[in-house]
N, C-alpha and C. Protein backbone atom coordinates (compact mmCIF):
# COMPACT_ATOMS: atom_id res chain seq x y z
N MET A 1 -13.80 -22.36 -4.69
CA MET A 1 -12.14 -23.23 -4.44
C MET A 1 -11.51 -22.97 -5.44
N LEU A 2 -11.54 -23.15 -6.71
CA LEU A 2 -10.45 -22.80 -7.55
C LEU A 2 -9.58 -21.60 -7.65
N LYS A 3 -10.18 -20.59 -7.10
CA LYS A 3 -9.80 -18.96 -6.70
C LYS A 3 -8.83 -19.37 -5.64
N LYS A 4 -9.32 -20.03 -4.55
CA LYS A 4 -8.38 -20.25 -2.94
C LYS A 4 -7.50 -20.94 -3.58
N ARG A 5 -7.25 -21.94 -4.44
CA ARG A 5 -5.93 -22.59 -5.04
C ARG A 5 -5.11 -21.65 -5.89
N GLN A 6 -5.67 -20.86 -6.44
CA GLN A 6 -4.84 -20.00 -7.59
C GLN A 6 -4.08 -18.87 -6.35
N ILE A 7 -5.02 -18.38 -5.32
CA ILE A 7 -4.02 -17.13 -4.40
C ILE A 7 -2.84 -18.07 -3.81
N GLU A 8 -3.40 -19.62 -3.21
CA GLU A 8 -2.44 -20.46 -2.33
C GLU A 8 -1.38 -20.30 -3.37
N ARG A 9 -1.67 -20.82 -4.45
CA ARG A 9 -0.26 -20.75 -5.41
C ARG A 9 0.28 -19.64 -6.05
N MET A 10 -0.02 -18.28 -5.91
CA MET A 10 0.59 -17.20 -5.66
C MET A 10 1.04 -16.71 -4.34
N ILE A 11 0.59 -17.21 -3.23
CA ILE A 11 1.49 -17.19 -2.19
C ILE A 11 2.45 -17.88 -1.78
N SER A 12 2.51 -19.18 -2.25
CA SER A 12 3.81 -20.32 -2.63
C SER A 12 4.70 -19.36 -3.35
N GLN A 13 4.43 -18.67 -4.36
CA GLN A 13 5.62 -18.40 -5.17
C GLN A 13 5.52 -17.23 -4.74
N ILE A 14 5.42 -15.97 -4.14
CA ILE A 14 5.81 -14.89 -3.43
C ILE A 14 6.78 -15.45 -2.20
N GLU A 15 6.65 -16.51 -1.55
CA GLU A 15 7.60 -17.31 -0.49
C GLU A 15 8.88 -17.60 -1.35
N LEU A 16 8.79 -17.87 -2.49
CA LEU A 16 10.09 -18.44 -3.07
C LEU A 16 11.40 -16.88 -2.97
N GLN A 17 10.67 -16.24 -3.01
CA GLN A 17 11.21 -14.85 -2.77
C GLN A 17 11.34 -13.85 -1.72
N PHE A 18 10.25 -14.29 -0.92
CA PHE A 18 10.18 -13.45 0.42
C PHE A 18 9.47 -14.15 1.18
N PRO A 19 10.08 -14.95 2.32
CA PRO A 19 9.23 -15.58 3.17
C PRO A 19 8.43 -14.34 3.97
N LEU A 20 6.98 -15.12 4.07
CA LEU A 20 6.04 -14.23 4.78
C LEU A 20 5.55 -14.60 6.04
N ASP A 21 5.11 -13.74 6.77
CA ASP A 21 4.55 -13.57 8.13
C ASP A 21 3.49 -14.58 8.21
N ASP A 22 2.77 -15.35 9.24
CA ASP A 22 1.49 -15.98 8.95
C ASP A 22 0.16 -14.89 9.05
N ASN A 23 0.58 -13.76 9.90
CA ASN A 23 -0.63 -12.59 9.51
C ASN A 23 -0.65 -12.30 8.21
N ILE A 24 0.37 -12.12 7.25
CA ILE A 24 0.12 -11.70 6.09
C ILE A 24 -0.06 -12.68 5.14
N LYS A 25 0.49 -13.71 5.26
CA LYS A 25 -0.56 -14.85 4.42
C LYS A 25 -1.94 -14.93 4.61
N LYS A 26 -2.22 -14.98 6.20
CA LYS A 26 -3.80 -15.14 5.88
C LYS A 26 -4.53 -13.46 5.46
N ALA A 27 -4.02 -12.69 5.31
CA ALA A 27 -4.04 -11.23 4.55
C ALA A 27 -4.44 -11.43 3.09
N PHE A 28 -3.44 -12.15 2.53
CA PHE A 28 -3.28 -12.42 1.07
C PHE A 28 -4.46 -13.46 0.78
N LEU A 29 -4.77 -14.19 1.48
CA LEU A 29 -5.51 -15.41 1.24
C LEU A 29 -6.91 -14.78 1.32
N ALA A 30 -7.18 -13.78 2.31
CA ALA A 30 -8.49 -13.26 2.37
C ALA A 30 -8.89 -12.45 1.08
N ILE A 31 -8.09 -11.80 0.42
CA ILE A 31 -8.25 -10.90 -0.86
C ILE A 31 -8.17 -11.37 -2.05
N ASP A 32 -8.76 -11.27 -2.96
CA ASP A 32 -8.91 -11.95 -4.49
C ASP A 32 -8.06 -10.92 -5.59
N ARG A 33 -7.30 -10.96 -5.40
CA ARG A 33 -6.46 -9.88 -6.38
C ARG A 33 -7.16 -9.52 -7.53
N GLU A 34 -8.04 -10.56 -8.12
CA GLU A 34 -8.30 -10.70 -9.03
C GLU A 34 -9.39 -9.51 -9.46
N VAL A 35 -10.02 -9.13 -8.09
CA VAL A 35 -11.18 -7.95 -8.00
C VAL A 35 -10.67 -7.02 -8.73
N PHE A 36 -9.70 -6.58 -8.30
CA PHE A 36 -8.36 -5.22 -8.41
C PHE A 36 -7.84 -5.18 -9.54
N VAL A 37 -7.79 -6.28 -10.51
CA VAL A 37 -7.13 -6.31 -11.80
C VAL A 37 -8.20 -6.00 -13.23
N PRO A 38 -7.66 -4.84 -13.51
CA PRO A 38 -8.48 -4.86 -14.94
C PRO A 38 -9.11 -5.91 -15.79
N SER A 39 -10.31 -6.08 -16.53
CA SER A 39 -10.61 -7.23 -16.91
C SER A 39 -9.92 -7.89 -18.05
N VAL A 40 -9.12 -7.06 -18.58
CA VAL A 40 -8.44 -7.59 -20.06
C VAL A 40 -7.14 -8.19 -19.02
N PHE A 41 -6.86 -8.19 -18.16
CA PHE A 41 -5.73 -8.99 -17.54
C PHE A 41 -6.16 -9.88 -16.36
N LYS A 42 -7.69 -10.21 -15.89
CA LYS A 42 -7.83 -11.34 -15.45
C LYS A 42 -7.11 -12.52 -15.23
N HIS A 43 -6.88 -12.94 -16.68
CA HIS A 43 -6.01 -13.93 -16.48
C HIS A 43 -4.53 -14.24 -15.72
N LEU A 44 -4.08 -13.23 -15.75
CA LEU A 44 -2.70 -12.45 -14.80
C LEU A 44 -2.84 -12.33 -13.66
N ALA A 45 -4.42 -12.27 -12.99
CA ALA A 45 -4.52 -12.25 -11.76
C ALA A 45 -3.29 -12.62 -10.58
N TYR A 46 -3.11 -13.72 -11.12
CA TYR A 46 -2.61 -14.47 -9.79
C TYR A 46 -1.14 -15.06 -10.05
N GLN A 47 -0.36 -13.83 -10.92
CA GLN A 47 0.88 -14.02 -11.21
C GLN A 47 1.53 -12.89 -10.74
N LEU A 48 2.92 -13.11 -10.58
CA LEU A 48 3.81 -12.21 -9.69
C LEU A 48 3.78 -10.50 -10.39
N ASP A 49 3.18 -10.54 -11.86
CA ASP A 49 3.69 -9.31 -12.31
C ASP A 49 2.83 -7.71 -11.60
N ALA A 50 3.25 -6.81 -11.98
CA ALA A 50 2.50 -5.47 -11.76
C ALA A 50 2.04 -5.17 -13.21
N LEU A 51 0.69 -4.22 -12.88
CA LEU A 51 -0.10 -4.88 -14.13
C LEU A 51 -0.73 -3.20 -14.38
N PRO A 52 -0.62 -2.89 -15.47
CA PRO A 52 -1.21 -1.32 -15.49
C PRO A 52 -2.91 -1.45 -15.30
N ILE A 53 -3.21 -0.38 -14.74
CA ILE A 53 -4.43 -0.02 -14.55
C ILE A 53 -4.63 1.34 -15.57
N SER A 54 -5.69 2.09 -14.82
CA SER A 54 -5.97 3.40 -15.90
C SER A 54 -5.11 4.68 -15.29
N ASP A 55 -5.50 5.65 -15.96
CA ASP A 55 -4.48 7.00 -15.77
C ASP A 55 -3.11 6.87 -15.61
N ASN A 56 -2.60 5.71 -16.13
CA ASN A 56 -1.20 5.43 -16.10
C ASN A 56 -0.36 5.12 -15.17
N GLN A 57 -1.31 4.60 -14.38
CA GLN A 57 -0.99 3.78 -13.06
C GLN A 57 -1.06 2.25 -13.03
N TRP A 58 -0.54 1.77 -11.90
CA TRP A 58 -0.27 0.31 -11.90
C TRP A 58 -0.61 -0.14 -10.52
N ILE A 59 -1.17 -1.52 -10.88
CA ILE A 59 -1.29 -2.23 -9.44
C ILE A 59 -0.02 -3.01 -9.29
N SER A 60 0.46 -2.91 -7.94
CA SER A 60 1.76 -3.45 -7.62
C SER A 60 1.95 -4.83 -7.78
N SER A 61 2.91 -5.57 -7.98
CA SER A 61 3.33 -7.10 -8.05
C SER A 61 2.70 -7.43 -6.48
N PRO A 62 2.30 -8.66 -6.81
CA PRO A 62 1.96 -9.16 -5.27
C PRO A 62 2.95 -9.66 -4.23
N VAL A 63 4.49 -9.47 -4.93
CA VAL A 63 5.64 -9.50 -4.34
C VAL A 63 5.88 -8.42 -3.75
N THR A 64 5.71 -6.92 -4.16
CA THR A 64 6.19 -5.72 -3.47
C THR A 64 5.13 -5.36 -2.47
N VAL A 65 4.05 -5.71 -2.89
CA VAL A 65 2.42 -5.54 -1.87
C VAL A 65 2.89 -6.57 -0.41
N ALA A 66 3.20 -7.59 -0.52
CA ALA A 66 3.63 -8.39 0.56
C ALA A 66 4.78 -7.59 1.36
N LYS A 67 5.69 -7.58 0.35
CA LYS A 67 7.41 -6.63 1.03
C LYS A 67 6.69 -5.47 2.03
N MET A 68 6.04 -4.52 1.22
CA MET A 68 5.53 -3.10 1.76
C MET A 68 5.05 -3.59 3.20
N THR A 69 4.14 -4.27 2.96
CA THR A 69 2.97 -4.78 4.21
C THR A 69 3.70 -5.24 5.51
N GLN A 70 4.84 -6.57 5.03
CA GLN A 70 5.38 -7.16 5.98
C GLN A 70 6.59 -5.95 6.71
N HIS A 71 7.37 -5.43 5.76
CA HIS A 71 8.23 -4.24 6.37
C HIS A 71 7.55 -3.18 7.40
N LEU A 72 6.47 -3.27 7.20
CA LEU A 72 5.61 -2.03 8.03
C LEU A 72 5.44 -3.04 9.81
N GLU A 73 5.87 -4.28 9.80
CA GLU A 73 5.74 -4.52 11.06
C GLU A 73 4.31 -4.53 11.81
N MET A 74 3.37 -5.17 11.13
CA MET A 74 2.01 -4.75 11.37
C MET A 74 1.11 -5.68 12.34
N ASN A 75 1.95 -6.21 13.48
CA ASN A 75 1.53 -6.76 14.72
C ASN A 75 0.95 -5.38 15.67
N ASN A 76 -0.34 -5.98 16.14
CA ASN A 76 -1.08 -5.14 17.25
C ASN A 76 -1.01 -3.43 16.57
N VAL A 77 -1.43 -3.25 15.23
CA VAL A 77 -1.29 -1.64 14.48
C VAL A 77 -2.58 -1.02 14.74
N ASP A 78 -3.00 -0.20 14.85
CA ASP A 78 -4.16 0.31 14.91
C ASP A 78 -4.83 1.26 13.95
N SER A 79 -4.02 1.78 13.36
CA SER A 79 -4.62 2.62 12.34
C SER A 79 -2.94 2.68 10.96
N VAL A 80 -3.22 2.65 9.98
CA VAL A 80 -2.44 3.20 9.14
C VAL A 80 -2.89 4.05 7.86
N LEU A 81 -1.77 5.07 7.66
CA LEU A 81 -2.38 5.92 6.61
C LEU A 81 -1.61 5.70 5.36
N GLU A 82 -2.50 5.42 4.55
CA GLU A 82 -1.70 4.93 2.93
C GLU A 82 -1.83 6.04 1.70
N ILE A 83 -0.66 6.61 1.28
CA ILE A 83 -0.49 7.57 0.57
C ILE A 83 -0.52 7.10 -1.18
N GLY A 84 -1.58 7.10 -1.76
CA GLY A 84 -1.51 6.59 -2.98
C GLY A 84 -2.57 5.42 -2.99
N CYS A 85 -4.24 5.30 -3.44
CA CYS A 85 -4.76 4.45 -2.94
C CYS A 85 -4.66 3.54 -4.53
N GLY A 86 -4.43 4.27 -5.34
CA GLY A 86 -4.42 3.41 -6.57
C GLY A 86 -5.42 2.18 -6.81
N SER A 87 -5.30 1.21 -7.21
CA SER A 87 -6.16 0.22 -7.66
C SER A 87 -7.45 -0.35 -6.05
N GLY A 88 -6.43 0.17 -5.12
CA GLY A 88 -7.19 -0.31 -3.64
C GLY A 88 -6.57 -1.82 -3.06
N TYR A 89 -5.87 -2.66 -3.93
CA TYR A 89 -5.48 -3.92 -3.62
C TYR A 89 -4.65 -3.97 -2.15
N GLN A 90 -3.45 -2.85 -2.48
CA GLN A 90 -2.65 -2.41 -1.10
C GLN A 90 -3.46 -2.40 0.03
N ALA A 91 -4.75 -1.39 0.19
CA ALA A 91 -5.16 -0.90 1.17
C ALA A 91 -6.02 -2.49 1.60
N ALA A 92 -6.72 -3.18 0.82
CA ALA A 92 -7.55 -3.98 1.19
C ALA A 92 -6.50 -4.88 1.71
N ILE A 93 -5.02 -5.44 1.40
CA ILE A 93 -4.43 -6.23 2.60
C ILE A 93 -4.09 -5.62 3.76
N LEU A 94 -3.76 -4.36 4.11
CA LEU A 94 -3.52 -3.89 5.18
C LEU A 94 -5.03 -3.86 5.80
N SER A 95 -6.26 -4.03 5.34
CA SER A 95 -7.46 -3.78 6.25
C SER A 95 -7.55 -5.10 6.82
N GLN A 96 -6.64 -6.10 6.51
CA GLN A 96 -6.70 -7.38 7.42
C GLN A 96 -5.76 -7.64 8.19
N VAL A 97 -5.01 -6.54 8.59
CA VAL A 97 -4.18 -6.82 9.64
C VAL A 97 -4.00 -5.73 10.46
N CYS A 98 -4.87 -4.59 10.26
CA CYS A 98 -4.70 -3.52 11.32
C CYS A 98 -6.35 -3.13 11.32
N ARG A 99 -6.98 -2.40 12.43
CA ARG A 99 -7.78 -2.01 12.81
C ARG A 99 -8.62 -1.15 12.06
N ARG A 100 -7.74 0.21 11.04
CA ARG A 100 -8.38 1.13 10.37
C ARG A 100 -7.39 1.33 9.67
N VAL A 101 -7.70 1.58 8.28
CA VAL A 101 -6.85 1.88 6.91
C VAL A 101 -7.54 3.40 6.48
N PHE A 102 -6.76 4.36 6.57
CA PHE A 102 -6.82 5.64 5.81
C PHE A 102 -6.05 5.61 4.79
N THR A 103 -6.79 5.72 3.60
CA THR A 103 -6.14 5.83 2.43
C THR A 103 -6.50 7.14 1.19
N ILE A 104 -5.35 7.89 0.79
CA ILE A 104 -5.81 9.13 0.06
C ILE A 104 -5.53 8.78 -1.58
N GLU A 105 -6.19 8.91 -2.60
CA GLU A 105 -5.94 9.03 -3.67
C GLU A 105 -5.98 10.32 -4.73
N ARG A 106 -5.09 10.59 -5.58
CA ARG A 106 -5.17 12.19 -6.12
C ARG A 106 -6.13 12.17 -7.17
N ILE A 107 -5.96 10.77 -8.02
CA ILE A 107 -7.00 10.53 -9.11
C ILE A 107 -8.46 10.41 -8.70
N SER A 108 -9.74 10.93 -9.30
CA SER A 108 -10.76 10.82 -8.51
C SER A 108 -11.52 9.16 -9.35
N GLU A 109 -11.22 9.20 -10.42
CA GLU A 109 -11.59 7.93 -11.27
C GLU A 109 -11.16 6.69 -10.67
N LEU A 110 -9.56 6.85 -10.19
CA LEU A 110 -9.21 5.27 -9.37
C LEU A 110 -9.71 5.09 -8.37
N LEU A 111 -10.19 6.32 -7.32
CA LEU A 111 -10.62 6.15 -6.08
C LEU A 111 -12.18 5.85 -6.16
N LYS A 112 -12.80 6.02 -7.33
CA LYS A 112 -14.17 5.99 -7.21
C LYS A 112 -14.43 4.24 -7.50
N ASP A 113 -12.92 3.62 -8.33
CA ASP A 113 -13.42 2.64 -8.56
C ASP A 113 -12.97 1.33 -7.16
N ALA A 114 -11.87 2.09 -6.30
CA ALA A 114 -11.40 1.23 -5.52
C ALA A 114 -12.25 1.27 -4.42
N LYS A 115 -13.01 2.19 -4.41
CA LYS A 115 -14.29 2.18 -3.10
C LYS A 115 -15.36 1.41 -3.54
N ARG A 116 -15.69 1.05 -4.77
CA ARG A 116 -16.55 0.15 -5.57
C ARG A 116 -15.98 -1.67 -4.96
N ARG A 117 -14.71 -1.30 -5.24
CA ARG A 117 -14.17 -2.96 -4.90
C ARG A 117 -14.32 -3.13 -3.41
N PHE A 118 -14.13 -1.94 -2.28
CA PHE A 118 -13.87 -2.55 -1.39
C PHE A 118 -15.55 -2.43 -0.86
N SER A 119 -16.57 -2.09 -1.26
CA SER A 119 -18.05 -2.65 -0.96
C SER A 119 -18.19 -3.51 -1.69
N GLU A 120 -17.99 -3.79 -2.71
CA GLU A 120 -18.08 -5.28 -3.22
C GLU A 120 -17.52 -6.57 -2.54
N LEU A 121 -16.18 -6.38 -1.73
CA LEU A 121 -15.59 -7.06 -0.79
C LEU A 121 -16.01 -7.09 0.48
N GLU A 122 -17.07 -6.20 0.89
CA GLU A 122 -17.61 -6.12 2.04
C GLU A 122 -16.22 -5.99 3.04
N ILE A 123 -15.55 -4.63 2.73
CA ILE A 123 -14.46 -4.18 3.52
C ILE A 123 -14.93 -2.75 4.40
N HIS A 124 -15.21 -2.76 5.50
CA HIS A 124 -15.84 -1.73 6.34
C HIS A 124 -14.72 -0.98 6.91
N ASN A 125 -13.50 -1.31 7.19
CA ASN A 125 -12.51 -0.85 7.93
C ASN A 125 -11.65 0.36 6.68
N ILE A 126 -11.80 0.49 5.57
CA ILE A 126 -10.85 1.26 4.78
C ILE A 126 -11.40 3.15 4.83
N PHE A 127 -11.30 3.58 4.81
CA PHE A 127 -11.72 5.16 5.22
C PHE A 127 -10.66 5.60 4.00
N THR A 128 -11.64 6.41 2.92
CA THR A 128 -10.91 6.89 1.51
C THR A 128 -11.12 8.49 1.48
N ARG A 129 -10.21 9.08 1.00
CA ARG A 129 -10.34 10.72 0.70
C ARG A 129 -9.37 10.75 -0.49
N PHE A 130 -10.24 11.78 -1.24
CA PHE A 130 -9.71 12.36 -2.79
C PHE A 130 -8.82 13.38 -2.49
N GLU A 131 -7.83 13.46 -2.59
CA GLU A 131 -6.85 14.72 -2.17
C GLU A 131 -5.32 14.44 -2.48
N ASP A 132 -4.49 15.21 -2.69
CA ASP A 132 -2.90 15.35 -2.87
C ASP A 132 -2.69 14.68 -1.41
N GLY A 133 -1.78 13.00 -1.83
CA GLY A 133 -1.77 12.73 -0.50
C GLY A 133 -0.48 13.18 0.33
N GLN A 134 0.35 14.16 -0.31
CA GLN A 134 1.46 14.75 0.46
C GLN A 134 1.08 15.74 1.46
N LEU A 135 -0.04 15.52 1.77
CA LEU A 135 -0.73 16.81 2.60
C LEU A 135 -1.42 16.02 3.72
N GLY A 136 -1.10 14.57 3.78
CA GLY A 136 -1.74 13.68 4.68
C GLY A 136 -3.13 13.85 4.98
N TRP A 137 -3.49 13.36 6.05
CA TRP A 137 -5.09 13.37 6.75
C TRP A 137 -5.45 13.47 8.08
N LYS A 138 -4.93 14.72 8.78
CA LYS A 138 -4.80 15.43 9.59
C LYS A 138 -5.95 15.02 10.74
N GLU A 139 -7.01 15.16 10.00
CA GLU A 139 -7.45 14.72 11.02
C GLU A 139 -7.72 13.63 11.80
N TYR A 140 -7.82 12.29 11.75
CA TYR A 140 -7.52 11.24 11.93
C TYR A 140 -5.79 10.63 12.65
N ALA A 141 -5.07 11.93 12.45
CA ALA A 141 -3.91 11.60 13.12
C ALA A 141 -3.74 11.67 14.50
N PRO A 142 -2.69 10.87 15.15
CA PRO A 142 -1.52 10.26 14.25
C PRO A 142 -1.72 8.85 13.91
N TYR A 143 -0.99 8.87 13.17
CA TYR A 143 -1.26 7.03 12.51
C TYR A 143 0.27 6.21 13.09
N ASP A 144 -0.18 4.87 13.34
CA ASP A 144 0.79 3.93 13.87
C ASP A 144 1.93 3.78 12.64
N ARG A 145 1.08 3.76 11.37
CA ARG A 145 2.05 3.33 10.17
C ARG A 145 1.41 4.42 8.98
N ILE A 146 2.52 4.67 8.33
CA ILE A 146 2.29 5.25 7.21
C ILE A 146 3.05 4.84 5.71
N LEU A 147 2.49 4.35 4.94
CA LEU A 147 2.45 3.71 3.62
C LEU A 147 2.83 5.17 2.50
N PHE A 148 3.74 5.05 1.70
CA PHE A 148 3.71 5.63 0.20
C PHE A 148 3.53 4.63 -0.69
N SER A 149 2.55 4.92 -1.33
CA SER A 149 2.67 3.67 -2.65
C SER A 149 3.14 4.41 -4.10
N ALA A 150 4.08 5.50 -3.49
CA ALA A 150 4.59 6.15 -5.27
C ALA A 150 5.82 6.95 -4.61
N THR A 151 6.65 6.81 -5.60
CA THR A 151 7.96 7.38 -5.05
C THR A 151 8.46 8.63 -4.91
N ALA A 152 8.72 9.14 -3.69
CA ALA A 152 8.94 10.81 -3.22
C ALA A 152 10.36 10.96 -3.39
N THR A 153 10.42 11.72 -3.63
CA THR A 153 12.15 12.71 -3.38
C THR A 153 12.19 13.16 -1.90
N LYS A 154 11.31 13.46 -1.54
CA LYS A 154 11.14 14.27 -0.09
C LYS A 154 9.83 13.88 0.94
N ILE A 155 10.40 13.04 2.05
CA ILE A 155 8.79 13.15 2.73
C ILE A 155 8.71 14.69 3.35
N PRO A 156 7.34 14.75 3.18
CA PRO A 156 6.81 16.23 3.68
C PRO A 156 7.14 16.29 5.33
N ASP A 157 7.42 17.30 5.69
CA ASP A 157 7.61 17.65 7.44
C ASP A 157 6.11 17.38 7.88
N ILE A 158 5.21 17.42 7.09
CA ILE A 158 3.68 17.52 7.64
C ILE A 158 3.28 15.85 7.90
N ILE A 159 3.67 15.36 6.98
CA ILE A 159 3.37 13.74 6.86
C ILE A 159 4.17 12.91 8.30
N PHE A 160 5.37 13.46 8.39
CA PHE A 160 6.38 13.53 9.51
C PHE A 160 5.42 13.20 10.78
N GLU A 161 4.78 14.65 10.72
CA GLU A 161 4.18 15.12 12.22
C GLU A 161 2.66 14.05 12.26
N GLN A 162 2.43 13.61 11.48
CA GLN A 162 1.32 12.78 11.31
C GLN A 162 1.43 11.16 12.08
N LEU A 163 2.67 11.15 11.87
CA LEU A 163 3.21 9.58 12.26
C LEU A 163 3.30 9.67 13.89
N ALA A 164 2.52 8.36 14.69
CA ALA A 164 2.82 8.48 15.81
C ALA A 164 3.90 8.39 16.61
N GLU A 165 4.03 8.64 17.90
CA GLU A 165 5.47 8.31 18.14
C GLU A 165 5.74 6.96 18.27
N GLY A 166 6.91 5.98 18.19
CA GLY A 166 7.21 4.80 18.05
C GLY A 166 6.72 4.35 16.32
N GLY A 167 6.21 5.11 15.50
CA GLY A 167 5.63 4.85 14.28
C GLY A 167 6.50 4.44 13.67
N ILE A 168 6.28 3.49 12.27
CA ILE A 168 7.02 3.59 10.96
C ILE A 168 6.34 3.93 10.18
N LEU A 169 7.48 4.50 8.83
CA LEU A 169 6.98 4.86 7.60
C LEU A 169 7.50 3.90 6.73
N ILE A 170 7.21 3.80 5.85
CA ILE A 170 7.70 3.25 4.51
C ILE A 170 7.36 4.16 3.29
N ALA A 171 8.48 4.11 2.45
CA ALA A 171 8.37 4.84 1.44
C ALA A 171 9.48 4.32 0.44
N PRO A 172 9.33 4.39 -1.05
CA PRO A 172 10.32 4.46 -2.11
C PRO A 172 10.80 5.66 -2.23
N MET A 173 11.99 5.87 -2.27
CA MET A 173 12.38 7.15 -2.33
C MET A 173 13.48 7.28 -3.38
N GLN A 174 13.56 8.45 -4.00
CA GLN A 174 14.25 8.69 -5.24
C GLN A 174 15.69 8.92 -4.87
N GLU A 175 16.72 8.13 -5.08
CA GLU A 175 18.19 8.42 -4.74
C GLU A 175 18.74 8.35 -5.99
N GLY A 176 18.91 9.91 -6.80
CA GLY A 176 19.74 9.74 -8.14
C GLY A 176 18.80 9.14 -9.12
N PRO A 177 19.46 7.97 -9.73
CA PRO A 177 18.70 7.41 -11.08
C PRO A 177 17.87 6.06 -10.21
N LEU A 178 18.10 6.15 -8.79
CA LEU A 178 17.69 4.73 -8.13
C LEU A 178 16.26 5.14 -7.61
N GLN A 179 15.18 4.35 -7.25
CA GLN A 179 14.43 4.27 -6.22
C GLN A 179 15.10 3.18 -5.02
N ILE A 180 14.85 3.94 -3.92
CA ILE A 180 15.23 2.76 -2.75
C ILE A 180 14.11 2.54 -1.90
N LEU A 181 13.56 1.62 -1.58
CA LEU A 181 12.69 1.44 -0.46
C LEU A 181 13.00 2.14 0.95
N THR A 182 12.74 2.70 1.43
CA THR A 182 13.35 3.11 3.05
C THR A 182 12.46 3.09 4.28
N ARG A 183 12.79 2.69 4.87
CA ARG A 183 11.87 2.40 6.05
C ARG A 183 12.29 3.70 7.42
N TYR A 184 11.26 4.50 7.78
CA TYR A 184 11.54 5.46 8.73
C TYR A 184 10.96 5.53 9.86
N TYR A 185 11.81 5.84 11.39
CA TYR A 185 11.05 5.16 12.55
C TYR A 185 10.85 6.71 13.27
N LYS A 186 9.94 6.79 14.15
CA LYS A 186 10.02 8.17 14.97
C LYS A 186 9.85 7.93 16.47
N ILE A 187 11.19 8.15 17.09
CA ILE A 187 11.45 7.89 18.29
C ILE A 187 11.87 8.77 19.16
N ASN A 188 11.33 9.35 20.52
CA ASN A 188 11.51 10.71 20.98
C ASN A 188 11.48 11.51 20.21
N GLY A 189 10.27 11.49 19.15
CA GLY A 189 10.23 12.96 18.08
C GLY A 189 11.13 12.99 17.21
N LYS A 190 12.02 12.44 16.86
CA LYS A 190 13.52 11.74 16.10
C LYS A 190 12.70 11.11 14.89
N ILE A 191 13.19 11.50 13.61
CA ILE A 191 13.21 10.57 12.74
C ILE A 191 14.32 10.08 12.44
N SER A 192 14.61 8.44 12.23
CA SER A 192 15.70 7.74 11.94
C SER A 192 15.30 7.19 10.50
N SER A 193 15.79 6.38 9.64
CA SER A 193 15.91 5.94 8.55
C SER A 193 16.96 4.75 8.31
N GLU A 194 16.47 3.96 7.25
CA GLU A 194 17.40 2.76 7.30
C GLU A 194 17.12 2.16 5.32
N THR A 195 17.61 1.50 4.57
CA THR A 195 17.42 1.63 3.39
C THR A 195 17.37 0.13 3.52
N ILE A 196 15.77 -0.50 2.28
CA ILE A 196 15.93 -1.69 2.66
C ILE A 196 16.28 -2.58 1.12
N GLU A 197 15.85 -1.68 0.43
CA GLU A 197 16.27 -2.70 -0.95
C GLU A 197 15.70 -1.64 -2.23
N PRO A 198 16.40 -1.81 -3.64
CA PRO A 198 16.03 -0.88 -4.97
C PRO A 198 14.51 -1.59 -4.85
N CYS A 199 13.61 -0.56 -5.85
CA CYS A 199 12.20 -0.59 -6.17
C CYS A 199 12.09 0.00 -7.36
N LEU A 200 10.84 -0.04 -7.58
CA LEU A 200 10.32 0.43 -8.77
C LEU A 200 8.62 1.04 -8.72
N PHE A 201 8.27 2.08 -8.32
CA PHE A 201 6.91 2.79 -8.20
C PHE A 201 6.93 4.08 -9.57
N VAL A 202 5.74 4.22 -9.42
CA VAL A 202 5.40 5.52 -10.07
C VAL A 202 6.05 6.73 -9.28
N PRO A 203 5.88 7.72 -10.12
CA PRO A 203 6.47 8.99 -9.24
C PRO A 203 5.50 9.60 -8.57
N ILE A 204 5.09 10.16 -7.34
CA ILE A 204 4.49 11.26 -6.56
C ILE A 204 4.34 12.69 -7.60
N ILE A 205 2.89 12.58 -7.83
CA ILE A 205 2.69 13.81 -8.47
C ILE A 205 1.68 14.87 -7.48
N ASN A 206 2.01 16.16 -7.60
CA ASN A 206 1.19 17.11 -7.22
C ASN A 206 -0.16 17.54 -7.36
N GLY A 207 -0.94 17.66 -6.57
CA GLY A 207 -2.48 18.12 -6.58
C GLY A 207 -3.35 17.05 -7.12
N ARG A 208 -4.52 17.77 -7.50
CA ARG A 208 -5.68 16.31 -7.72
C ARG A 208 -5.81 16.41 -8.88
N GLN A 209 -6.66 15.35 -9.54
CA GLN A 209 -6.79 15.26 -10.86
C GLN A 209 -8.51 14.63 -10.96
N LYS A 210 -9.23 15.21 -11.32
CA LYS A 210 -10.38 14.77 -11.68
C LYS A 210 -11.08 14.43 -12.82
């Protein structure tokens, strides 16, 4: 009961910055962020801070996760591809608002920990892959939505090919010294984009790390 109140308080704090749709609020209520936070930071799990995890990676601020999820426009979505699983928190939130989440991570230890958390929370609609996320996951394409959880300088063509017609892709893009959250649309086979706001993510790195 205490955890539920802590999560509700966290949601209220998020909404002071970014009003949430009902389905996104329900997703946050269903997933305990504490499970995804390193034990040394458990006391900060329900704060709005990004927190360090292993391998110089971070679990995003709950505000960032909320924005990324809501900007994907998750009504009646079947499948999402996430590039950069990290702690697994973003994928867990997505699992509550669509039928299938496919998430790729290039750091094997991070992916192992994320899979353990999914199992602990009995989340059965997340599918994981150890790979360079910039290659996508062609076997299950096309995806209704694609989410980059790391900053890119360019979206590879192979990723846009895996986006469904009418689909949306959200990515933090490096624009000179700034990172800009950008939303892409695929309509009649053509890609258009709009900028949303400045953001801060770790950069995409090539290859896999065992």
